[in-house]
């Protein structure tokens, strides 16, 4: 993660998070206009083969904070918005504000972690989690607009152009 940050002068670096069977769960956060309300901003797994792309370090609009490296200068400038409370979208908000301050965010496919999704969250009542998710999603949209971050297919187009020019 540190090598990725140094190569790209990135302030925030995320990783490929795998589910226990080894499939990629996600490696970035993006907007998907095709999904239903309260689920348009989501963790996304890049389908390298499907997009006909070689796995590489990429600039992304945001990463999930379940496994992230944030350089100290970012923390000096960007603080967590405590209005989000216990979880959901505080990481997206932090990334949006960090990018507005000029910090780069990258995802690296060279660091992989197994993420047992929602292990601790699932101890809470589902209704409570759903309410928190909707409340925080609405706050994110109110704060940053709709869409608050780039749409996935726009990113894929940008990344393919990057890979073409680097050959």
N, C-alpha and C. Protein backbone atom coordinates (compact mmCIF):
# COMPACT_ATOMS: atom_id res chain seq x y z
N UNK A 1 0.83 -1.18 0.00
CA UNK A 1 0.00 0.00 0.00
C UNK A 1 0.89 1.26 0.00
N UNK A 2 1.92 1.21 0.80
CA UNK A 2 2.82 2.36 0.86
C UNK A 2 3.52 2.56 -0.48
N UNK A 3 3.93 1.47 -1.11
CA UNK A 3 4.58 1.58 -2.43
C UNK A 3 3.63 2.22 -3.44
N UNK A 4 2.37 1.85 -3.42
CA UNK A 4 1.38 2.44 -4.32
C UNK A 4 1.25 3.94 -4.04
N UNK A 5 1.16 4.30 -2.77
CA UNK A 5 1.04 5.72 -2.40
C UNK A 5 2.26 6.50 -2.89
N UNK A 6 3.43 5.92 -2.74
CA UNK A 6 4.65 6.61 -3.16
C UNK A 6 4.73 6.73 -4.69
N UNK A 7 4.37 5.66 -5.40
CA UNK A 7 4.41 5.70 -6.87
C UNK A 7 3.49 6.76 -7.45
N UNK A 8 2.34 6.97 -6.82
CA UNK A 8 1.31 7.83 -7.40
C UNK A 8 1.05 9.10 -6.59
N UNK A 9 1.85 9.34 -5.56
CA UNK A 9 1.66 10.50 -4.69
C UNK A 9 0.22 10.52 -4.17
N UNK A 10 -0.24 9.35 -3.74
CA UNK A 10 -1.62 9.20 -3.27
C UNK A 10 -1.72 9.46 -1.77
N UNK A 11 -2.81 10.07 -1.36
CA UNK A 11 -3.06 10.31 0.04
C UNK A 11 -3.84 9.18 0.70
N UNK A 12 -4.58 8.44 -0.12
CA UNK A 12 -5.40 7.33 0.37
C UNK A 12 -5.22 6.15 -0.58
N UNK A 13 -5.02 4.96 -0.02
CA UNK A 13 -4.88 3.75 -0.84
C UNK A 13 -5.76 2.64 -0.27
N UNK A 14 -6.56 2.06 -1.14
CA UNK A 14 -7.39 0.91 -0.78
C UNK A 14 -6.86 -0.34 -1.45
N UNK A 15 -7.41 -1.47 -1.09
CA UNK A 15 -6.92 -2.77 -1.55
C UNK A 15 -8.04 -3.57 -2.21
N UNK A 16 -7.69 -4.71 -2.75
CA UNK A 16 -8.71 -5.66 -3.20
C UNK A 16 -9.15 -6.48 -2.00
N UNK A 17 -10.43 -6.37 -1.70
CA UNK A 17 -10.97 -7.14 -0.59
C UNK A 17 -11.65 -8.38 -1.15
N UNK A 18 -11.26 -9.52 -0.59
CA UNK A 18 -11.78 -10.80 -1.05
C UNK A 18 -12.75 -11.36 -0.02
N UNK A 19 -13.75 -12.09 -0.49
CA UNK A 19 -14.58 -12.86 0.42
C UNK A 19 -13.81 -14.14 0.73
N UNK A 20 -14.18 -14.87 1.77
CA UNK A 20 -13.40 -16.04 2.17
C UNK A 20 -13.11 -17.06 1.07
N UNK A 21 -13.95 -17.17 0.03
CA UNK A 21 -13.67 -18.14 -1.03
C UNK A 21 -12.65 -17.62 -2.05
N UNK A 22 -12.19 -16.37 -1.89
CA UNK A 22 -11.17 -15.82 -2.77
C UNK A 22 -11.68 -14.90 -3.86
N UNK A 23 -13.00 -14.81 -4.05
CA UNK A 23 -13.55 -13.88 -5.04
C UNK A 23 -13.38 -12.45 -4.56
N UNK A 24 -13.19 -11.53 -5.51
CA UNK A 24 -13.06 -10.12 -5.15
C UNK A 24 -14.42 -9.58 -4.74
N UNK A 25 -14.50 -9.05 -3.53
CA UNK A 25 -15.73 -8.45 -3.04
C UNK A 25 -15.81 -7.00 -3.54
N UNK A 26 -14.72 -6.26 -3.38
CA UNK A 26 -14.68 -4.88 -3.87
C UNK A 26 -13.28 -4.31 -3.77
N UNK A 27 -13.04 -3.27 -4.56
CA UNK A 27 -11.79 -2.55 -4.49
C UNK A 27 -11.95 -1.05 -4.70
N UNK A 28 -13.18 -0.57 -4.81
CA UNK A 28 -13.42 0.85 -4.91
C UNK A 28 -14.88 1.15 -4.62
N UNK A 29 -15.18 2.42 -4.52
CA UNK A 29 -16.55 2.88 -4.35
C UNK A 29 -16.91 3.70 -5.58
N UNK A 30 -18.08 3.46 -6.15
CA UNK A 30 -18.52 4.20 -7.35
C UNK A 30 -20.04 4.34 -7.31
N UNK A 31 -20.55 5.08 -8.27
CA UNK A 31 -21.99 5.33 -8.39
C UNK A 31 -22.53 4.43 -9.49
N UNK A 32 -23.66 3.81 -9.24
CA UNK A 32 -24.30 2.98 -10.24
C UNK A 32 -25.75 3.44 -10.39
N UNK A 33 -26.00 4.20 -11.44
CA UNK A 33 -27.33 4.79 -11.63
C UNK A 33 -28.41 3.74 -11.92
N UNK A 34 -28.01 2.52 -12.23
CA UNK A 34 -28.96 1.47 -12.58
C UNK A 34 -29.60 0.81 -11.36
N UNK A 35 -29.08 1.05 -10.18
CA UNK A 35 -29.61 0.36 -9.00
C UNK A 35 -30.72 1.17 -8.33
N UNK A 36 -31.39 0.53 -7.40
CA UNK A 36 -32.54 1.15 -6.73
C UNK A 36 -32.08 2.24 -5.75
N UNK A 37 -33.05 2.99 -5.24
CA UNK A 37 -32.75 4.02 -4.26
C UNK A 37 -31.99 3.45 -3.08
N UNK A 38 -31.18 4.28 -2.47
CA UNK A 38 -30.38 3.96 -1.29
C UNK A 38 -29.30 2.91 -1.57
N UNK A 39 -29.04 2.60 -2.83
CA UNK A 39 -27.98 1.64 -3.12
C UNK A 39 -27.19 2.04 -4.36
N UNK A 40 -27.27 3.29 -4.75
CA UNK A 40 -26.56 3.74 -5.95
C UNK A 40 -25.07 3.97 -5.70
N UNK A 41 -24.71 4.37 -4.49
CA UNK A 41 -23.30 4.51 -4.11
C UNK A 41 -22.92 3.20 -3.46
N UNK A 42 -22.00 2.47 -4.10
CA UNK A 42 -21.75 1.12 -3.60
C UNK A 42 -20.31 0.70 -3.77
N UNK A 43 -19.93 -0.29 -2.98
CA UNK A 43 -18.63 -0.92 -3.16
C UNK A 43 -18.69 -1.72 -4.45
N UNK A 44 -17.61 -1.63 -5.22
CA UNK A 44 -17.60 -2.26 -6.54
C UNK A 44 -16.34 -3.11 -6.68
N UNK A 45 -16.50 -4.26 -7.31
CA UNK A 45 -15.36 -5.09 -7.69
C UNK A 45 -15.10 -4.88 -9.17
N UNK A 46 -13.89 -4.49 -9.52
CA UNK A 46 -13.55 -4.32 -10.93
C UNK A 46 -13.48 -5.69 -11.58
N UNK A 47 -14.21 -5.87 -12.65
CA UNK A 47 -14.17 -7.11 -13.41
C UNK A 47 -13.09 -6.94 -14.49
N UNK A 48 -11.85 -7.23 -14.12
CA UNK A 48 -10.72 -6.99 -15.01
C UNK A 48 -10.93 -7.66 -16.36
N UNK A 49 -11.28 -8.95 -16.36
CA UNK A 49 -11.49 -9.68 -17.62
C UNK A 49 -12.67 -9.11 -18.40
N UNK A 50 -13.76 -8.87 -17.72
CA UNK A 50 -14.96 -8.35 -18.39
C UNK A 50 -14.73 -7.00 -19.02
N UNK A 51 -13.89 -6.16 -18.40
CA UNK A 51 -13.59 -4.84 -18.95
C UNK A 51 -12.38 -4.88 -19.89
N UNK A 52 -11.83 -6.10 -20.09
CA UNK A 52 -10.65 -6.29 -20.94
C UNK A 52 -9.51 -5.37 -20.50
N UNK A 53 -9.23 -5.44 -19.19
CA UNK A 53 -8.18 -4.63 -18.61
C UNK A 53 -7.19 -5.51 -17.84
N UNK A 54 -5.95 -5.07 -17.80
CA UNK A 54 -4.93 -5.72 -17.01
C UNK A 54 -5.01 -5.17 -15.59
N UNK A 55 -4.99 -6.03 -14.57
CA UNK A 55 -5.02 -5.52 -13.20
C UNK A 55 -3.88 -4.53 -12.97
N UNK A 56 -4.21 -3.37 -12.45
CA UNK A 56 -3.22 -2.33 -12.22
C UNK A 56 -3.70 -1.39 -11.12
N UNK A 57 -2.79 -0.58 -10.62
CA UNK A 57 -3.17 0.45 -9.65
C UNK A 57 -3.92 1.54 -10.40
N UNK A 58 -5.06 1.94 -9.85
CA UNK A 58 -5.91 2.91 -10.54
C UNK A 58 -6.35 4.04 -9.62
N UNK A 59 -6.47 5.26 -10.18
CA UNK A 59 -7.09 6.32 -9.41
C UNK A 59 -8.59 6.05 -9.33
N UNK A 60 -9.14 6.19 -8.14
CA UNK A 60 -10.56 5.90 -7.92
C UNK A 60 -11.20 7.04 -7.14
N UNK A 61 -12.53 7.17 -7.22
CA UNK A 61 -13.19 8.24 -6.48
C UNK A 61 -13.27 7.99 -4.98
N UNK A 62 -13.17 6.73 -4.58
CA UNK A 62 -13.22 6.41 -3.17
C UNK A 62 -12.96 4.94 -2.94
N UNK A 63 -12.59 4.62 -1.71
CA UNK A 63 -12.37 3.23 -1.31
C UNK A 63 -13.08 3.01 0.01
N UNK A 64 -13.36 1.75 0.30
CA UNK A 64 -13.96 1.41 1.58
C UNK A 64 -12.87 1.44 2.65
N UNK A 65 -13.26 1.83 3.84
CA UNK A 65 -12.27 1.96 4.91
C UNK A 65 -12.13 0.70 5.75
N UNK A 66 -12.67 -0.43 5.31
CA UNK A 66 -12.46 -1.67 6.07
C UNK A 66 -10.99 -2.08 6.00
N UNK A 67 -10.28 -1.67 4.93
CA UNK A 67 -8.83 -1.83 4.85
C UNK A 67 -8.31 -0.70 3.97
N UNK A 68 -7.69 0.28 4.61
CA UNK A 68 -7.26 1.48 3.89
C UNK A 68 -6.00 2.02 4.54
N UNK A 69 -5.17 2.69 3.74
CA UNK A 69 -4.04 3.44 4.26
C UNK A 69 -4.29 4.90 3.95
N UNK A 70 -4.28 5.72 4.99
CA UNK A 70 -4.48 7.16 4.83
C UNK A 70 -3.21 7.84 5.32
N UNK A 71 -2.59 8.60 4.44
CA UNK A 71 -1.35 9.29 4.79
C UNK A 71 -1.65 10.41 5.79
N UNK A 72 -0.71 10.67 6.67
CA UNK A 72 -0.90 11.66 7.73
C UNK A 72 -1.32 13.04 7.22
N UNK A 73 -0.74 13.56 6.12
CA UNK A 73 -1.17 14.89 5.66
C UNK A 73 -2.67 14.98 5.35
N UNK A 74 -3.28 13.85 4.97
CA UNK A 74 -4.72 13.85 4.70
C UNK A 74 -5.48 14.11 6.01
N UNK A 75 -5.07 13.43 7.08
CA UNK A 75 -5.74 13.60 8.37
C UNK A 75 -5.58 15.01 8.93
N UNK A 76 -4.49 15.68 8.58
CA UNK A 76 -4.28 17.05 9.05
C UNK A 76 -5.34 17.98 8.44
N UNK A 77 -5.72 17.70 7.20
CA UNK A 77 -6.63 18.59 6.45
C UNK A 77 -8.08 18.13 6.52
N UNK A 78 -8.32 16.82 6.45
CA UNK A 78 -9.68 16.28 6.37
C UNK A 78 -10.02 15.56 7.68
N UNK A 79 -11.13 15.92 8.25
CA UNK A 79 -11.58 15.27 9.49
C UNK A 79 -12.84 14.44 9.20
N UNK A 80 -13.09 13.44 10.01
CA UNK A 80 -14.31 12.65 9.85
C UNK A 80 -15.52 13.49 10.24
N UNK A 81 -16.59 13.36 9.49
CA UNK A 81 -17.85 14.02 9.79
C UNK A 81 -18.62 13.11 10.75
N UNK A 82 -18.71 13.50 11.99
CA UNK A 82 -19.33 12.66 13.02
C UNK A 82 -20.84 12.54 12.84
N UNK A 83 -21.42 13.32 11.94
CA UNK A 83 -22.87 13.21 11.67
C UNK A 83 -23.24 11.85 11.11
N UNK A 84 -22.28 11.15 10.50
CA UNK A 84 -22.56 9.83 9.96
C UNK A 84 -22.71 8.80 11.07
N UNK A 85 -22.17 9.07 12.21
CA UNK A 85 -22.32 8.15 13.33
C UNK A 85 -21.51 6.89 13.17
N UNK A 86 -22.13 5.77 13.48
CA UNK A 86 -21.44 4.50 13.65
C UNK A 86 -20.99 3.82 12.35
N UNK A 87 -21.38 4.29 11.21
CA UNK A 87 -20.94 3.63 9.99
C UNK A 87 -21.83 3.92 8.81
N UNK A 88 -21.41 3.43 7.66
CA UNK A 88 -22.08 3.60 6.37
C UNK A 88 -21.87 5.01 5.82
N UNK A 89 -21.07 5.08 4.78
CA UNK A 89 -20.86 6.27 3.96
C UNK A 89 -19.93 7.31 4.57
N UNK A 90 -19.45 7.11 5.80
CA UNK A 90 -18.47 8.05 6.34
C UNK A 90 -17.17 7.97 5.55
N UNK A 91 -16.85 6.78 5.03
CA UNK A 91 -15.66 6.62 4.22
C UNK A 91 -15.81 7.31 2.85
N UNK A 92 -16.98 7.19 2.26
CA UNK A 92 -17.24 7.84 0.97
C UNK A 92 -17.15 9.36 1.13
N UNK A 93 -17.78 9.88 2.17
CA UNK A 93 -17.73 11.31 2.45
C UNK A 93 -16.29 11.78 2.64
N UNK A 94 -15.52 11.03 3.41
CA UNK A 94 -14.12 11.38 3.67
C UNK A 94 -13.34 11.43 2.35
N UNK A 95 -13.54 10.43 1.50
CA UNK A 95 -12.85 10.39 0.20
C UNK A 95 -13.25 11.57 -0.69
N UNK A 96 -14.54 11.88 -0.74
CA UNK A 96 -15.00 13.01 -1.56
C UNK A 96 -14.32 14.29 -1.09
N UNK A 97 -14.30 14.52 0.19
CA UNK A 97 -13.71 15.76 0.72
C UNK A 97 -12.19 15.76 0.55
N UNK A 98 -11.54 14.61 0.68
CA UNK A 98 -10.09 14.53 0.46
C UNK A 98 -9.74 14.88 -0.99
N UNK A 99 -10.51 14.35 -1.93
CA UNK A 99 -10.27 14.66 -3.35
C UNK A 99 -10.47 16.14 -3.63
N UNK A 100 -11.49 16.74 -3.01
CA UNK A 100 -11.73 18.18 -3.19
C UNK A 100 -10.56 19.02 -2.67
N UNK A 101 -9.83 18.46 -1.71
CA UNK A 101 -8.65 19.15 -1.17
C UNK A 101 -7.39 18.83 -1.96
N UNK A 102 -7.54 18.04 -3.03
CA UNK A 102 -6.40 17.75 -3.91
C UNK A 102 -5.67 16.46 -3.66
N UNK A 103 -6.15 15.63 -2.73
CA UNK A 103 -5.49 14.36 -2.46
C UNK A 103 -5.94 13.31 -3.48
N UNK A 104 -5.00 12.47 -3.90
CA UNK A 104 -5.31 11.38 -4.83
C UNK A 104 -5.68 10.13 -4.04
N UNK A 105 -6.60 9.36 -4.62
CA UNK A 105 -7.03 8.10 -4.03
C UNK A 105 -6.77 7.00 -5.05
N UNK A 106 -6.11 5.94 -4.62
CA UNK A 106 -5.80 4.82 -5.50
C UNK A 106 -6.27 3.51 -4.90
N UNK A 107 -6.51 2.56 -5.77
CA UNK A 107 -6.78 1.19 -5.38
C UNK A 107 -5.69 0.33 -5.98
N UNK A 108 -5.15 -0.58 -5.20
CA UNK A 108 -4.10 -1.46 -5.71
C UNK A 108 -4.57 -2.91 -5.72
N UNK A 109 -4.38 -3.61 -6.84
CA UNK A 109 -4.73 -5.04 -6.88
C UNK A 109 -3.62 -5.92 -6.32
N UNK A 110 -2.50 -5.30 -5.92
CA UNK A 110 -1.35 -6.07 -5.44
C UNK A 110 -1.39 -6.35 -3.95
N UNK A 111 -2.38 -5.78 -3.26
CA UNK A 111 -2.59 -6.07 -1.85
C UNK A 111 -4.00 -6.63 -1.73
N UNK A 112 -4.10 -7.81 -1.17
CA UNK A 112 -5.41 -8.47 -1.04
C UNK A 112 -5.63 -8.85 0.41
N UNK A 113 -6.84 -8.63 0.88
CA UNK A 113 -7.20 -9.03 2.24
C UNK A 113 -8.52 -9.80 2.17
N UNK A 114 -8.67 -10.73 3.07
CA UNK A 114 -9.96 -11.44 3.17
C UNK A 114 -10.82 -10.66 4.15
N UNK A 115 -12.00 -10.31 3.72
CA UNK A 115 -12.91 -9.50 4.52
C UNK A 115 -14.16 -10.33 4.81
N UNK A 116 -14.37 -10.62 6.05
CA UNK A 116 -15.58 -11.34 6.48
C UNK A 116 -16.66 -10.28 6.65
N UNK A 117 -17.35 -9.98 5.57
CA UNK A 117 -18.28 -8.85 5.51
C UNK A 117 -19.35 -8.91 6.58
N UNK A 118 -19.51 -7.77 7.23
CA UNK A 118 -20.60 -7.53 8.17
C UNK A 118 -20.62 -8.48 9.37
N UNK A 119 -19.50 -9.06 9.72
CA UNK A 119 -19.48 -10.00 10.85
C UNK A 119 -19.96 -9.32 12.12
N UNK A 120 -19.40 -8.16 12.44
CA UNK A 120 -19.83 -7.47 13.66
C UNK A 120 -21.16 -6.75 13.45
N UNK A 121 -21.37 -6.20 12.24
CA UNK A 121 -22.63 -5.49 11.95
C UNK A 121 -23.84 -6.41 12.10
N UNK A 122 -23.69 -7.65 11.71
CA UNK A 122 -24.83 -8.57 11.74
C UNK A 122 -25.26 -8.95 13.15
N UNK A 123 -24.51 -8.52 14.15
CA UNK A 123 -24.93 -8.73 15.53
C UNK A 123 -26.02 -7.74 15.93
N UNK A 124 -26.16 -6.67 15.15
CA UNK A 124 -27.18 -5.65 15.42
C UNK A 124 -28.47 -6.03 14.70
N UNK A 125 -29.61 -5.53 15.19
CA UNK A 125 -30.87 -5.82 14.50
C UNK A 125 -30.88 -5.25 13.07
N UNK A 126 -31.36 -6.04 12.12
CA UNK A 126 -31.39 -5.65 10.71
C UNK A 126 -32.11 -4.31 10.50
N UNK A 127 -33.22 -4.11 11.20
CA UNK A 127 -33.99 -2.87 11.05
C UNK A 127 -33.13 -1.65 11.43
N UNK A 128 -32.38 -1.77 12.49
CA UNK A 128 -31.50 -0.68 12.94
C UNK A 128 -30.44 -0.37 11.88
N UNK A 129 -29.85 -1.40 11.31
CA UNK A 129 -28.83 -1.21 10.27
C UNK A 129 -29.43 -0.58 9.02
N UNK A 130 -30.62 -1.04 8.61
CA UNK A 130 -31.28 -0.47 7.43
C UNK A 130 -31.59 1.01 7.63
N UNK A 131 -32.05 1.37 8.82
CA UNK A 131 -32.37 2.77 9.11
C UNK A 131 -31.11 3.64 9.08
N UNK A 132 -30.02 3.14 9.66
CA UNK A 132 -28.76 3.87 9.65
C UNK A 132 -28.25 4.04 8.22
N UNK A 133 -28.34 2.97 7.43
CA UNK A 133 -27.90 3.01 6.03
C UNK A 133 -28.67 4.08 5.26
N UNK A 134 -29.99 4.09 5.37
CA UNK A 134 -30.82 5.06 4.64
C UNK A 134 -30.56 6.49 5.13
N UNK A 135 -30.46 6.67 6.44
CA UNK A 135 -30.20 8.00 7.01
C UNK A 135 -28.88 8.55 6.49
N UNK A 136 -27.83 7.72 6.54
CA UNK A 136 -26.51 8.18 6.11
C UNK A 136 -26.43 8.37 4.60
N UNK A 137 -27.13 7.53 3.84
CA UNK A 137 -27.16 7.71 2.39
C UNK A 137 -27.82 9.05 2.04
N UNK A 138 -28.94 9.34 2.66
CA UNK A 138 -29.64 10.61 2.41
C UNK A 138 -28.77 11.80 2.81
N UNK A 139 -28.05 11.68 3.91
CA UNK A 139 -27.16 12.75 4.34
C UNK A 139 -26.03 12.95 3.32
N UNK A 140 -25.46 11.85 2.82
CA UNK A 140 -24.40 11.94 1.80
C UNK A 140 -24.90 12.68 0.56
N UNK A 141 -26.09 12.33 0.08
CA UNK A 141 -26.65 12.97 -1.12
C UNK A 141 -26.96 14.44 -0.85
N UNK A 142 -27.52 14.73 0.31
CA UNK A 142 -27.82 16.12 0.66
C UNK A 142 -26.53 16.96 0.71
N UNK A 143 -25.49 16.37 1.22
CA UNK A 143 -24.22 17.08 1.40
C UNK A 143 -23.45 17.26 0.09
N UNK A 144 -23.47 16.24 -0.78
CA UNK A 144 -22.61 16.27 -1.98
C UNK A 144 -23.38 16.26 -3.30
N UNK A 145 -24.69 16.12 -3.27
CA UNK A 145 -25.47 16.08 -4.51
C UNK A 145 -25.61 14.67 -5.05
N UNK A 146 -26.37 14.56 -6.11
CA UNK A 146 -26.64 13.25 -6.72
C UNK A 146 -26.29 13.32 -8.20
N UNK A 147 -25.29 12.61 -8.66
CA UNK A 147 -24.47 11.64 -7.95
C UNK A 147 -23.32 12.32 -7.19
N UNK A 148 -22.96 11.79 -6.04
CA UNK A 148 -21.88 12.41 -5.27
C UNK A 148 -20.48 12.04 -5.78
N UNK A 149 -20.38 10.90 -6.49
CA UNK A 149 -19.10 10.47 -7.04
C UNK A 149 -19.32 9.95 -8.45
N UNK A 150 -18.23 9.61 -9.14
CA UNK A 150 -18.29 9.19 -10.53
C UNK A 150 -19.04 7.87 -10.70
N UNK A 151 -19.64 7.76 -11.87
CA UNK A 151 -20.36 6.55 -12.26
C UNK A 151 -19.35 5.52 -12.74
N UNK A 152 -19.59 4.27 -12.45
CA UNK A 152 -18.63 3.19 -12.73
C UNK A 152 -18.22 3.14 -14.19
N UNK A 153 -19.15 3.18 -15.12
CA UNK A 153 -18.78 3.02 -16.53
C UNK A 153 -17.96 4.22 -17.04
N UNK A 154 -18.16 5.40 -16.48
CA UNK A 154 -17.30 6.54 -16.82
C UNK A 154 -15.87 6.27 -16.38
N UNK A 155 -15.73 5.69 -15.20
CA UNK A 155 -14.41 5.34 -14.69
C UNK A 155 -13.73 4.30 -15.57
N UNK A 156 -14.48 3.28 -15.97
CA UNK A 156 -13.91 2.22 -16.80
C UNK A 156 -13.38 2.81 -18.11
N UNK A 157 -14.14 3.71 -18.71
CA UNK A 157 -13.71 4.36 -19.95
C UNK A 157 -12.41 5.13 -19.72
N UNK A 158 -12.33 5.86 -18.63
CA UNK A 158 -11.12 6.62 -18.29
C UNK A 158 -9.94 5.68 -18.08
N UNK A 159 -10.16 4.57 -17.36
CA UNK A 159 -9.08 3.63 -17.09
C UNK A 159 -8.58 2.96 -18.36
N UNK A 160 -9.50 2.60 -19.26
CA UNK A 160 -9.07 1.97 -20.52
C UNK A 160 -8.20 2.93 -21.30
N UNK A 161 -8.56 4.20 -21.34
CA UNK A 161 -7.74 5.20 -22.02
C UNK A 161 -6.36 5.31 -21.37
N UNK A 162 -6.31 5.23 -20.05
CA UNK A 162 -5.03 5.27 -19.35
C UNK A 162 -4.16 4.09 -19.75
N UNK A 163 -4.75 2.88 -19.80
CA UNK A 163 -3.98 1.70 -20.14
C UNK A 163 -3.51 1.76 -21.58
N UNK A 164 -4.32 2.31 -22.48
CA UNK A 164 -3.94 2.41 -23.89
C UNK A 164 -2.76 3.36 -24.06
N UNK A 165 -2.78 4.48 -23.35
CA UNK A 165 -1.69 5.46 -23.50
C UNK A 165 -0.42 5.03 -22.80
N UNK A 166 -0.49 4.09 -21.86
CA UNK A 166 0.71 3.64 -21.16
C UNK A 166 1.44 2.54 -21.92
N UNK A 167 0.83 1.98 -22.97
CA UNK A 167 1.47 0.88 -23.71
C UNK A 167 2.52 1.41 -24.65
